[in-house]
Amino acid sequence: MAYDHADHADHHERGSELSEMQLRVRAIETVLAEKGYIDPAALDAIIEAYEIKIGPHIGARVVARAWADPAFKRALIEDATRAVRTLGAINRVGDHLIAVENTPKVHNMIVCTLCSCYPWDILGLPPVWYKSAPYRSRAVSDPRGVLADFGLQLPADTQIRVWDSTAETRFIVLPMRPAGTDGWSEDKLATLVTRDCMIGTGLPKRP
């Protein structure tokens, strides 16, 4: 069958919803698969994990459940690793997940001073600023100033606790439930939970 490049280009312009970058990635993926350098099935599994099983939407479900279910909240504080597994969340990074709870008098913030240890199985990939040297150093020496840089002004009498992640131990902040959410479903509560509020550099969205 004759191949008409003009016809193909016209079809591409009219029919493809992929960006130029996405098309390039698709082409590279095809070449690598044909040469046997990657396993398409394994690649699909990784993509599916990040879309469904890994990411801040998982952490948001955890927080929403803790807000709505006192028994789950107690379990989360006692053993976060076990609690998140009951929701079907995977735990491949770090052997120990700890949930730290914000209160009107205590605000928690997470950092990794050595590198960028992060609970990516429930929060997704760490943001660029989390891995930066300024954040890693100032979060310990000037946490209130760092929070101010994020637009978070806390009362002077609020104690700020900074938790240093390691390769074995990761943390998630359990933020305070926003007022005006009585009777909300877990799904609706989860829409208020942001990645930053689970790191401690932000607050949940307001209803």
Foldseek 3Di string as FASTA:
>chain_A
DDDDVVVVVVCCVPPDPDDPVRVVVVVVVVVCVVVPNDDVVVVVVVVCCLVPQWAQLLVLLLLLCVVVPVVLVVVCQVAVVVSSVVVVHDFDFAAGEHEAEDDLQEFEAEAALPAQRARRSNHNDDDPVRGDNVCSVCCVVPVQVLLVVLVDHHDPRRHYHYDHADRHYHYWYNYDQAPPCPPPDSVVSSVQDDSCVRRRSDHTHHD
